[in-house]
């Protein structure tokens, strides 16, 4: 359903997901976040 809506509005779902992953990489660096339940502001 969501993919149909995105297609209807001409949104590039693959690009949106890639952008979100890149944003999360910066917010939650693996070296600091892996195995931790701390909030990102506490990393």
C-alpha atoms as a PDB file:
ATOM      1  CA  UNK A   1       0.000   0.000   0.000  1.00  0.00           C
ATOM      2  CA  UNK A   2       2.692   2.496   0.999  1.00  0.00           C
ATOM      3  CA  UNK A   3       4.720   1.690  -2.098  1.00  0.00           C
ATOM      4  CA  UNK A   4       1.700   2.355  -4.292  1.00  0.00           C
ATOM      5  CA  UNK A   5       1.170   5.740  -2.661  1.00  0.00           C
ATOM      6  CA  UNK A   6       4.844   6.619  -3.042  1.00  0.00           C
ATOM      7  CA  UNK A   7       4.736   5.620  -6.698  1.00  0.00           C
ATOM      8  CA  UNK A   8       1.578   7.673  -7.210  1.00  0.00           C
ATOM      9  CA  UNK A   9       3.368  10.768  -5.848  1.00  0.00           C
ATOM     10  CA  UNK A  10       6.539  10.069  -7.814  1.00  0.00           C
ATOM     11  CA  UNK A  11       8.679   9.421  -4.750  1.00  0.00           C
ATOM     12  CA  UNK A  12      11.873   7.394  -5.051  1.00  0.00           C
ATOM     13  CA  UNK A  13      11.549   4.921  -2.180  1.00  0.00           C
ATOM     14  CA  UNK A  14      15.054   3.507  -2.686  1.00  0.00           C
ATOM     15  CA  UNK A  15      16.566   6.990  -2.386  1.00  0.00           C
ATOM     16  CA  UNK A  16      14.475   7.828   0.676  1.00  0.00           C
ATOM     17  CA  UNK A  17      15.645   4.643   2.402  1.00  0.00           C
ATOM     18  CA  UNK A  18      19.279   5.260   1.439  1.00  0.00           C
ATOM     19  CA  UNK A  19      19.093   8.811   2.804  1.00  0.00           C
ATOM     20  CA  UNK A  20      17.623   7.543   6.076  1.00  0.00           C
ATOM     21  CA  UNK A  21      20.355   4.908   6.436  1.00  0.00           C
ATOM     22  CA  UNK A  22      23.051   7.554   5.892  1.00  0.00           C
ATOM     23  CA  UNK A  23      21.409   9.830   8.452  1.00  0.00           C
ATOM     24  CA  UNK A  24      21.312   6.963  10.979  1.00  0.00           C
ATOM     25  CA  UNK A  25      24.982   6.134  10.335  1.00  0.00           C
ATOM     26  CA  UNK A  26      25.886   9.651  11.438  1.00  0.00           C
ATOM     27  CA  UNK A  27      23.504   9.656  14.385  1.00  0.00           C
ATOM     28  CA  UNK A  28      24.393   6.160  15.616  1.00  0.00           C
ATOM     29  CA  UNK A  29      28.038   5.362  14.762  1.00  0.00           C
ATOM     30  CA  UNK A  30      28.638   1.612  14.990  1.00  0.00           C
ATOM     31  CA  UNK A  31      31.769   2.025  17.089  1.00  0.00           C
ATOM     32  CA  UNK A  32      29.775   3.824  19.798  1.00  0.00           C
ATOM     33  CA  UNK A  33      26.247   2.444  19.453  1.00  0.00           C
ATOM     34  CA  UNK A  34      26.792  -1.292  18.956  1.00  0.00           C
ATOM     35  CA  UNK A  35      25.666  -3.190  22.035  1.00  0.00           C
ATOM     36  CA  UNK A  36      24.519  -0.052  23.812  1.00  0.00           C
ATOM     37  CA  UNK A  37      21.007   1.011  24.744  1.00  0.00           C
ATOM     38  CA  UNK A  38      22.056   4.621  25.366  1.00  0.00           C
ATOM     39  CA  UNK A  39      20.213   7.449  23.655  1.00  0.00           C
ATOM     40  CA  UNK A  40      22.103   8.946  20.740  1.00  0.00           C
ATOM     41  CA  UNK A  41      22.726  12.149  22.716  1.00  0.00           C
ATOM     42  CA  UNK A  42      24.577  10.068  25.323  1.00  0.00           C
ATOM     43  CA  UNK A  43      26.894   8.319  22.855  1.00  0.00           C
END
